[in-house]
Amino acid sequence: MVESQVFQKMVHYASLDCDDTVLEIGAGLGFLTRFLSGKCKKVLAVEVDARLVSILREQLSCASNVKIIEGNVLRITLPSFNKIVSIPPYQISSRLLVWLFKRDFDCAVLVFQKEFADRLMATVGSEDYGWLTVFTYYHAQVELLDEIPKSMFYPHPKIDSTIACLRPKKPRPSLLRNEASFQRLLQVLFTRRNRTVRNAVLTYLKYGRGATKEDVVKIADSLPLGSKRVRELAPEDFGALANAIVK
């Protein structure tokens, strides 16, 4: 990102002040890092590329409130933070959100590829509606803000991007009995989005439950909304479905 106006907008949307500790994922050459350091109490700048880490440590040696952390954000242990302001690597977007929803934070202002951002708020039944739409619905209130044309990046990516603001939902739409099972169910069902819920659930139940074929069929037949297509279910329906399966 080479346009400072985007940094200004991200800081504004995150409502940063001198009490905030901000996580930045994929600090790169430190353009956003430097901007954040003047707006908050502390910046945790995570970068996986050792060459870039060396540059960051040299360029930001005078920024006493910046802690540069080398490693993969999805695997390392981090100090506590309350906000995330970042332009993370696009290839980890899905995994990053799953990781983030397991953490306690006030808000996250992130730049995603536009197509990915649109999936977070897709309407039921649309092509973009998928497991990530539903998973995000259960965890965060999403607001899609400014679109960023690819010309604001160097080198230019192939598609435009979007600034998204995510705030944890408190309370959640419904209580899930098992978060991991809920995620797996969503991922399996949406690979069969055009099948009936009953038939898609049969596939899910065949893996890892140790149940007989008769038991699996019995469970699938007893579930609500079994005759509807997976793509037709509202986000709330998936929670009820997951809880009915996980006793």
C-alpha atoms as a PDB file:
ATOM      1  CA  MET A   1       0.000   0.000   0.000  1.00  0.00           C
ATOM      2  CA  VAL A   2       1.503   3.304  -1.112  1.00  0.00           C
ATOM      3  CA  GLU A   3      -1.330   5.751  -0.364  1.00  0.00           C
ATOM      4  CA  SER A   4      -1.187   7.337   3.087  1.00  0.00           C
ATOM      5  CA  GLN A   5      -4.831   8.403   2.840  1.00  0.00           C
ATOM      6  CA  VAL A   6      -5.778   4.729   3.222  1.00  0.00           C
ATOM      7  CA  PHE A   7      -3.795   4.546   6.478  1.00  0.00           C
ATOM      8  CA  GLN A   8      -5.612   7.632   7.732  1.00  0.00           C
ATOM      9  CA  LYS A   9      -8.982   6.079   6.981  1.00  0.00           C
ATOM     10  CA  MET A  10      -8.076   2.832   8.711  1.00  0.00           C
ATOM     11  CA  VAL A  11      -6.958   4.659  11.859  1.00  0.00           C
ATOM     12  CA  HIS A  12     -10.162   6.694  11.811  1.00  0.00           C
ATOM     13  CA  TYR A  13     -12.379   3.614  11.485  1.00  0.00           C
ATOM     14  CA  ALA A  14     -10.530   1.906  14.357  1.00  0.00           C
ATOM     15  CA  SER A  15     -10.932   5.008  16.567  1.00  0.00           C
ATOM     16  CA  LEU A  16      -7.349   4.669  17.778  1.00  0.00           C
ATOM     17  CA  ASP A  17      -6.179   6.531  20.831  1.00  0.00           C
ATOM     18  CA  CYS A  18      -3.247   6.562  23.244  1.00  0.00           C
ATOM     19  CA  ASP A  19      -4.638   3.625  25.264  1.00  0.00           C
ATOM     20  CA  ASP A  20      -4.757   1.127  22.394  1.00  0.00           C
ATOM     21  CA  THR A  21      -2.365  -1.710  21.675  1.00  0.00           C
ATOM     22  CA  VAL A  22      -2.650  -2.491  17.971  1.00  0.00           C
ATOM     23  CA  LEU A  23      -1.767  -5.684  16.155  1.00  0.00           C
ATOM     24  CA  GLU A  24      -0.485  -5.300  12.594  1.00  0.00           C
ATOM     25  CA  ILE A  25      -0.240  -8.504  10.549  1.00  0.00           C
ATOM     26  CA  GLY A  26       2.245  -8.486   7.696  1.00  0.00           C
ATOM     27  CA  ALA A  27       4.145  -5.298   8.477  1.00  0.00           C
ATOM     28  CA  GLY A  28       6.155  -5.441   5.232  1.00  0.00           C
ATOM     29  CA  LEU A  29       8.333  -2.356   4.841  1.00  0.00           C
ATOM     30  CA  GLY A  30       6.656  -0.598   7.759  1.00  0.00           C
ATOM     31  CA  PHE A  31       4.670   2.159   6.032  1.00  0.00           C
ATOM     32  CA  LEU A  32       1.501   1.443   8.020  1.00  0.00           C
ATOM     33  CA  THR A  33       3.545   0.526  11.104  1.00  0.00           C
ATOM     34  CA  ARG A  34       5.150   3.946  11.209  1.00  0.00           C
ATOM     35  CA  PHE A  35       1.778   5.627  10.797  1.00  0.00           C
ATOM     36  CA  LEU A  36       0.208   3.539  13.586  1.00  0.00           C
ATOM     37  CA  SER A  37       3.045   4.258  16.000  1.00  0.00           C
ATOM     38  CA  GLY A  38       2.030   7.900  16.147  1.00  0.00           C
ATOM     39  CA  LYS A  39      -1.602   7.111  16.881  1.00  0.00           C
ATOM     40  CA  CYS A  40      -1.631   4.545  19.683  1.00  0.00           C
ATOM     41  CA  LYS A  41       0.120   3.319  22.822  1.00  0.00           C
ATOM     42  CA  LYS A  42       1.852   0.319  21.240  1.00  0.00           C
ATOM     43  CA  VAL A  43       2.131  -1.492  17.908  1.00  0.00           C
ATOM     44  CA  LEU A  44       2.774  -5.220  17.628  1.00  0.00           C
ATOM     45  CA  ALA A  45       4.148  -5.508  14.112  1.00  0.00           C
ATOM     46  CA  VAL A  46       4.240  -9.130  12.940  1.00  0.00           C
ATOM     47  CA  GLU A  47       6.224 -10.116   9.858  1.00  0.00           C
ATOM     48  CA  VAL A  48       7.131 -13.621   8.663  1.00  0.00           C
ATOM     49  CA  ASP A  49       9.848 -12.647   6.153  1.00  0.00           C
ATOM     50  CA  ALA A  50      13.221 -12.466   7.908  1.00  0.00           C
ATOM     51  CA  ARG A  51      14.597 -10.038   5.308  1.00  0.00           C
ATOM     52  CA  LEU A  52      11.757  -7.601   5.929  1.00  0.00           C
ATOM     53  CA  VAL A  53      12.148  -8.004   9.679  1.00  0.00           C
ATOM     54  CA  SER A  54      15.749  -6.791   9.374  1.00  0.00           C
ATOM     55  CA  ILE A  55      14.594  -3.743   7.414  1.00  0.00           C
ATOM     56  CA  LEU A  56      11.842  -3.018   9.923  1.00  0.00           C
ATOM     57  CA  ARG A  57      14.229  -3.161  12.864  1.00  0.00           C
ATOM     58  CA  GLU A  58      16.581  -0.770  11.142  1.00  0.00           C
ATOM     59  CA  GLN A  59      13.945   1.658   9.870  1.00  0.00           C
ATOM     60  CA  LEU A  60      11.873   1.720  13.065  1.00  0.00           C
ATOM     61  CA  SER A  61      14.682   1.623  15.624  1.00  0.00           C
ATOM     62  CA  CYS A  62      13.634   5.044  16.922  1.00  0.00           C
ATOM     63  CA  ALA A  63       9.964   4.079  17.364  1.00  0.00           C
ATOM     64  CA  SER A  64      10.024   3.010  21.008  1.00  0.00           C
ATOM     65  CA  ASN A  65       6.374   1.922  21.025  1.00  0.00           C
ATOM     66  CA  VAL A  66       6.786  -0.570  18.152  1.00  0.00           C
ATOM     67  CA  LYS A  67       7.501  -4.205  18.959  1.00  0.00           C
ATOM     68  CA  ILE A  68       8.608  -6.106  15.865  1.00  0.00           C
ATOM     69  CA  ILE A  69       7.748  -9.808  16.028  1.00  0.00           C
ATOM     70  CA  GLU A  70       9.143 -12.294  13.545  1.00  0.00           C
ATOM     71  CA  GLY A  71       6.941 -15.269  12.717  1.00  0.00           C
ATOM     72  CA  ASN A  72       3.677 -16.577  11.332  1.00  0.00           C
ATOM     73  CA  VAL A  73       0.865 -14.838  13.209  1.00  0.00           C
ATOM     74  CA  LEU A  74      -1.251 -18.002  13.044  1.00  0.00           C
ATOM     75  CA  ARG A  75       1.366 -20.016  14.944  1.00  0.00           C
ATOM     76  CA  ILE A  76       3.160 -17.745  17.385  1.00  0.00           C
ATOM     77  CA  THR A  77       2.220 -16.553  20.858  1.00  0.00           C
ATOM     78  CA  LEU A  78       1.505 -12.831  20.990  1.00  0.00           C
ATOM     79  CA  PRO A  79       1.350 -10.234  23.746  1.00  0.00           C
ATOM     80  CA  SER A  80      -2.133  -8.945  24.476  1.00  0.00           C
ATOM     81  CA  PHE A  81      -3.743  -6.415  22.126  1.00  0.00           C
ATOM     82  CA  ASN A  82      -7.166  -4.835  21.857  1.00  0.00           C
ATOM     83  CA  LYS A  83      -7.373  -3.716  18.230  1.00  0.00           C
ATOM     84  CA  ILE A  84      -6.153  -4.935  14.860  1.00  0.00           C
ATOM     85  CA  VAL A  85      -5.328  -2.556  12.017  1.00  0.00           C
ATOM     86  CA  SER A  86      -3.721  -4.327   9.137  1.00  0.00           C
ATOM     87  CA  ILE A  87      -3.366  -5.105   5.450  1.00  0.00           C
ATOM     88  CA  PRO A  88      -2.654  -8.812   5.932  1.00  0.00           C
ATOM     89  CA  PRO A  89      -1.404 -11.183   3.233  1.00  0.00           C
ATOM     90  CA  TYR A  90      -4.456 -11.997   1.152  1.00  0.00           C
ATOM     91  CA  GLN A  91      -3.636 -15.707   0.941  1.00  0.00           C
ATOM     92  CA  ILE A  92      -4.273 -16.188   4.673  1.00  0.00           C
ATOM     93  CA  SER A  93      -7.557 -14.237   4.846  1.00  0.00           C
ATOM     94  CA  SER A  94      -9.848 -17.188   5.678  1.00  0.00           C
ATOM     95  CA  ARG A  95      -7.465 -18.757   8.188  1.00  0.00           C
ATOM     96  CA  LEU A  96      -6.814 -15.352   9.731  1.00  0.00           C
ATOM     97  CA  LEU A  97     -10.488 -14.745  10.456  1.00  0.00           C
ATOM     98  CA  VAL A  98     -10.892 -18.176  12.044  1.00  0.00           C
ATOM     99  CA  TRP A  99      -7.813 -17.422  14.180  1.00  0.00           C
ATOM    100  CA  LEU A 100      -9.059 -13.948  15.045  1.00  0.00           C
ATOM    101  CA  PHE A 101     -12.511 -15.083  16.152  1.00  0.00           C
ATOM    102  CA  LYS A 102     -10.854 -17.150  18.873  1.00  0.00           C
ATOM    103  CA  ARG A 103      -9.304 -13.993  20.357  1.00  0.00           C
ATOM    104  CA  ASP A 104     -10.704 -11.228  22.494  1.00  0.00           C
ATOM    105  CA  PHE A 105     -10.535  -7.850  20.761  1.00  0.00           C
ATOM    106  CA  ASP A 106     -12.481  -4.607  20.459  1.00  0.00           C
ATOM    107  CA  CYS A 107     -12.383  -4.156  16.696  1.00  0.00           C
ATOM    108  CA  ALA A 108     -10.418  -5.117  13.612  1.00  0.00           C
ATOM    109  CA  VAL A 109      -9.953  -2.868  10.584  1.00  0.00           C
ATOM    110  CA  LEU A 110      -8.576  -5.003   7.783  1.00  0.00           C
ATOM    111  CA  VAL A 111      -8.028  -4.686   4.054  1.00  0.00           C
ATOM    112  CA  PHE A 112      -9.174  -7.700   2.028  1.00  0.00           C
ATOM    113  CA  GLN A 113      -9.528  -8.448  -1.643  1.00  0.00           C
ATOM    114  CA  LYS A 114     -12.935  -7.131  -2.676  1.00  0.00           C
ATOM    115  CA  GLU A 115     -14.227 -10.554  -3.679  1.00  0.00           C
ATOM    116  CA  PHE A 116     -13.286 -11.955  -0.275  1.00  0.00           C
ATOM    117  CA  ALA A 117     -14.829  -9.027   1.602  1.00  0.00           C
ATOM    118  CA  ASP A 118     -18.083  -9.435  -0.338  1.00  0.00           C
ATOM    119  CA  ARG A 119     -18.287 -13.057   0.829  1.00  0.00           C
ATOM    120  CA  LEU A 120     -18.411 -11.922   4.455  1.00  0.00           C
ATOM    121  CA  MET A 121     -21.795 -10.252   3.922  1.00  0.00           C
ATOM    122  CA  ALA A 122     -23.239 -12.306   1.086  1.00  0.00           C
ATOM    123  CA  THR A 123     -26.996 -12.838   0.955  1.00  0.00           C
ATOM    124  CA  VAL A 124     -28.536 -16.267   1.463  1.00  0.00           C
ATOM    125  CA  GLY A 125     -28.584 -18.269  -1.750  1.00  0.00           C
ATOM    126  CA  SER A 126     -26.149 -16.056  -3.670  1.00  0.00           C
ATOM    127  CA  GLU A 127     -22.980 -17.385  -5.293  1.00  0.00           C
ATOM    128  CA  ASP A 128     -20.840 -15.655  -2.658  1.00  0.00           C
ATOM    129  CA  TYR A 129     -22.836 -17.184   0.222  1.00  0.00           C
ATOM    130  CA  GLY A 130     -20.659 -19.818   1.861  1.00  0.00           C
ATOM    131  CA  TRP A 131     -19.278 -21.270   5.052  1.00  0.00           C
ATOM    132  CA  LEU A 132     -17.230 -18.154   5.787  1.00  0.00           C
ATOM    133  CA  THR A 133     -20.352 -15.963   5.518  1.00  0.00           C
ATOM    134  CA  VAL A 134     -22.113 -18.037   8.147  1.00  0.00           C
ATOM    135  CA  PHE A 135     -19.056 -18.465  10.360  1.00  0.00           C
ATOM    136  CA  THR A 136     -18.436 -14.716  10.349  1.00  0.00           C
ATOM    137  CA  TYR A 137     -22.118 -13.991  11.067  1.00  0.00           C
ATOM    138  CA  TYR A 138     -21.857 -15.915  14.342  1.00  0.00           C
ATOM    139  CA  HIS A 139     -18.765 -14.085  15.500  1.00  0.00           C
ATOM    140  CA  ALA A 140     -18.686 -10.507  14.265  1.00  0.00           C
ATOM    141  CA  GLN A 141     -20.638  -7.517  13.081  1.00  0.00           C
ATOM    142  CA  VAL A 142     -19.140  -6.632   9.704  1.00  0.00           C
ATOM    143  CA  GLU A 143     -19.135  -3.269   7.976  1.00  0.00           C
ATOM    144  CA  LEU A 144     -17.684  -2.955   4.487  1.00  0.00           C
ATOM    145  CA  LEU A 145     -16.284   0.539   4.090  1.00  0.00           C
ATOM    146  CA  ASP A 146     -14.148   2.070   1.345  1.00  0.00           C
ATOM    147  CA  GLU A 147     -13.177   0.240  -1.791  1.00  0.00           C
ATOM    148  CA  ILE A 148      -9.498   0.600  -2.661  1.00  0.00           C
ATOM    149  CA  PRO A 149      -8.574   0.536  -6.355  1.00  0.00           C
ATOM    150  CA  LYS A 150      -5.622  -1.635  -7.309  1.00  0.00           C
ATOM    151  CA  SER A 151      -3.793   1.492  -8.492  1.00  0.00           C
ATOM    152  CA  MET A 152      -3.163   2.392  -4.831  1.00  0.00           C
ATOM    153  CA  PHE A 153      -0.861  -0.612  -4.433  1.00  0.00           C
ATOM    154  CA  TYR A 154       2.596  -1.162  -5.814  1.00  0.00           C
ATOM    155  CA  PRO A 155       2.974  -3.427  -7.613  1.00  0.00           C
ATOM    156  CA  HIS A 156      -0.656  -3.405  -8.738  1.00  0.00           C
ATOM    157  CA  PRO A 157      -2.672  -6.496  -7.750  1.00  0.00           C
ATOM    158  CA  LYS A 158      -5.160  -7.977 -10.204  1.00  0.00           C
ATOM    159  CA  ILE A 159      -8.311  -6.878  -8.371  1.00  0.00           C
ATOM    160  CA  ASP A 160      -9.518  -4.080  -6.112  1.00  0.00           C
ATOM    161  CA  SER A 161      -9.660  -4.280  -2.319  1.00  0.00           C
ATOM    162  CA  THR A 162     -12.035  -3.250   0.467  1.00  0.00           C
ATOM    163  CA  ILE A 163     -11.588  -1.905   3.988  1.00  0.00           C
ATOM    164  CA  ALA A 164     -13.683  -3.968   6.412  1.00  0.00           C
ATOM    165  CA  CYS A 165     -14.404  -3.273  10.071  1.00  0.00           C
ATOM    166  CA  LEU A 166     -15.229  -6.250  12.305  1.00  0.00           C
ATOM    167  CA  ARG A 167     -16.520  -5.997  15.854  1.00  0.00           C
ATOM    168  CA  PRO A 168     -17.170  -9.089  18.004  1.00  0.00           C
ATOM    169  CA  LYS A 169     -20.827  -9.912  18.554  1.00  0.00           C
ATOM    170  CA  LYS A 170     -21.718  -9.860  22.236  1.00  0.00           C
ATOM    171  CA  PRO A 171     -23.777 -11.871  22.842  1.00  0.00           C
ATOM    172  CA  ARG A 172     -23.530 -14.338  19.966  1.00  0.00           C
ATOM    173  CA  PRO A 173     -26.665 -15.016  17.871  1.00  0.00           C
ATOM    174  CA  SER A 174     -26.950 -18.418  19.566  1.00  0.00           C
ATOM    175  CA  LEU A 175     -24.904 -20.657  21.811  1.00  0.00           C
ATOM    176  CA  LEU A 176     -22.941 -23.270  19.877  1.00  0.00           C
ATOM    177  CA  ARG A 177     -22.256 -26.529  21.671  1.00  0.00           C
ATOM    178  CA  ASN A 178     -19.002 -27.146  19.821  1.00  0.00           C
ATOM    179  CA  GLU A 179     -17.254 -24.418  17.807  1.00  0.00           C
ATOM    180  CA  ALA A 180     -14.868 -26.791  16.012  1.00  0.00           C
ATOM    181  CA  SER A 181     -17.687 -29.114  14.955  1.00  0.00           C
ATOM    182  CA  PHE A 182     -19.706 -26.133  13.787  1.00  0.00           C
ATOM    183  CA  GLN A 183     -16.873 -24.990  11.531  1.00  0.00           C
ATOM    184  CA  ARG A 184     -16.321 -28.471  10.098  1.00  0.00           C
ATOM    185  CA  LEU A 185     -20.034 -28.879   9.444  1.00  0.00           C
ATOM    186  CA  LEU A 186     -20.178 -25.591   7.549  1.00  0.00           C
ATOM    187  CA  GLN A 187     -17.159 -26.455   5.422  1.00  0.00           C
ATOM    188  CA  VAL A 188     -18.505 -29.877   4.500  1.00  0.00           C
ATOM    189  CA  LEU A 189     -22.051 -28.715   3.795  1.00  0.00           C
ATOM    190  CA  PHE A 190     -21.017 -25.839   1.565  1.00  0.00           C
ATOM    191  CA  THR A 191     -18.986 -28.150  -0.653  1.00  0.00           C
ATOM    192  CA  ARG A 192     -22.412 -29.644  -1.364  1.00  0.00           C
ATOM    193  CA  ARG A 193     -24.356 -26.389  -1.428  1.00  0.00           C
ATOM    194  CA  ASN A 194     -26.893 -27.557  -4.019  1.00  0.00           C
ATOM    195  CA  ARG A 195     -27.789 -30.793  -2.235  1.00  0.00           C
ATOM    196  CA  THR A 196     -30.558 -31.167   0.288  1.00  0.00           C
ATOM    197  CA  VAL A 197     -29.520 -30.659   3.881  1.00  0.00           C
ATOM    198  CA  ARG A 198     -30.289 -34.305   4.642  1.00  0.00           C
ATOM    199  CA  ASN A 199     -27.997 -35.646   1.943  1.00  0.00           C
ATOM    200  CA  ALA A 200     -25.220 -33.177   2.698  1.00  0.00           C
ATOM    201  CA  VAL A 201     -25.370 -34.032   6.399  1.00  0.00           C
ATOM    202  CA  LEU A 202     -25.124 -37.735   5.566  1.00  0.00           C
ATOM    203  CA  THR A 203     -21.714 -37.041   4.048  1.00  0.00           C
ATOM    204  CA  TYR A 204     -20.635 -35.115   7.143  1.00  0.00           C
ATOM    205  CA  LEU A 205     -21.819 -37.833   9.505  1.00  0.00           C
ATOM    206  CA  LYS A 206     -19.892 -40.559   7.711  1.00  0.00           C
ATOM    207  CA  TYR A 207     -16.556 -39.050   8.765  1.00  0.00           C
ATOM    208  CA  GLY A 208     -15.145 -39.475  12.236  1.00  0.00           C
ATOM    209  CA  ARG A 209     -18.239 -40.464  14.197  1.00  0.00           C
ATOM    210  CA  GLY A 210     -17.791 -44.233  14.342  1.00  0.00           C
ATOM    211  CA  ALA A 211     -21.539 -44.715  13.853  1.00  0.00           C
ATOM    212  CA  THR A 212     -23.187 -47.419  11.807  1.00  0.00           C
ATOM    213  CA  LYS A 213     -24.803 -46.654   8.478  1.00  0.00           C
ATOM    214  CA  GLU A 214     -28.229 -47.149  10.036  1.00  0.00           C
ATOM    215  CA  ASP A 215     -27.447 -44.719  12.862  1.00  0.00           C
ATOM    216  CA  VAL A 216     -26.165 -42.109  10.412  1.00  0.00           C
ATOM    217  CA  VAL A 217     -29.323 -42.330   8.310  1.00  0.00           C
ATOM    218  CA  LYS A 218     -31.483 -42.142  11.425  1.00  0.00           C
ATOM    219  CA  ILE A 219     -29.726 -38.986  12.616  1.00  0.00           C
ATOM    220  CA  ALA A 220     -29.930 -37.339   9.176  1.00  0.00           C
ATOM    221  CA  ASP A 221     -33.638 -38.155   8.870  1.00  0.00           C
ATOM    222  CA  SER A 222     -34.377 -36.609  12.266  1.00  0.00           C
ATOM    223  CA  LEU A 223     -32.764 -33.234  11.554  1.00  0.00           C
ATOM    224  CA  PRO A 224     -34.771 -30.055  10.924  1.00  0.00           C
ATOM    225  CA  LEU A 225     -34.903 -28.473   7.447  1.00  0.00           C
ATOM    226  CA  GLY A 226     -33.680 -31.681   5.830  1.00  0.00           C
ATOM    227  CA  SER A 227     -35.518 -31.091   2.553  1.00  0.00           C
ATOM    228  CA  LYS A 228     -34.098 -27.621   1.941  1.00  0.00           C
ATOM    229  CA  ARG A 229     -30.978 -26.966  -0.115  1.00  0.00           C
ATOM    230  CA  VAL A 230     -27.848 -26.068   1.838  1.00  0.00           C
ATOM    231  CA  ARG A 231     -27.573 -22.723   0.055  1.00  0.00           C
ATOM    232  CA  GLU A 232     -31.128 -21.851   1.177  1.00  0.00           C
ATOM    233  CA  LEU A 233     -30.451 -22.055   4.909  1.00  0.00           C
ATOM    234  CA  ALA A 234     -30.173 -18.822   6.880  1.00  0.00           C
ATOM    235  CA  PRO A 235     -27.122 -18.451   9.155  1.00  0.00           C
ATOM    236  CA  GLU A 236     -29.265 -19.132  12.243  1.00  0.00           C
ATOM    237  CA  ASP A 237     -30.395 -22.434  10.742  1.00  0.00           C
ATOM    238  CA  PHE A 238     -26.825 -23.744  10.644  1.00  0.00           C
ATOM    239  CA  GLY A 239     -26.408 -23.140  14.362  1.00  0.00           C
ATOM    240  CA  ALA A 240     -29.587 -25.062  15.138  1.00  0.00           C
ATOM    241  CA  LEU A 241     -28.452 -27.828  12.805  1.00  0.00           C
ATOM    242  CA  ALA A 242     -25.011 -28.089  14.418  1.00  0.00           C
ATOM    243  CA  ASN A 243     -26.496 -28.211  17.912  1.00  0.00           C
ATOM    244  CA  ALA A 244     -28.936 -30.928  16.841  1.00  0.00           C
ATOM    245  CA  ILE A 245     -26.035 -33.069  15.621  1.00  0.00           C
ATOM    246  CA  VAL A 246     -23.632 -32.410  18.510  1.00  0.00           C
ATOM    247  CA  LYS A 247     -25.397 -33.735  21.578  1.00  0.00           C
END
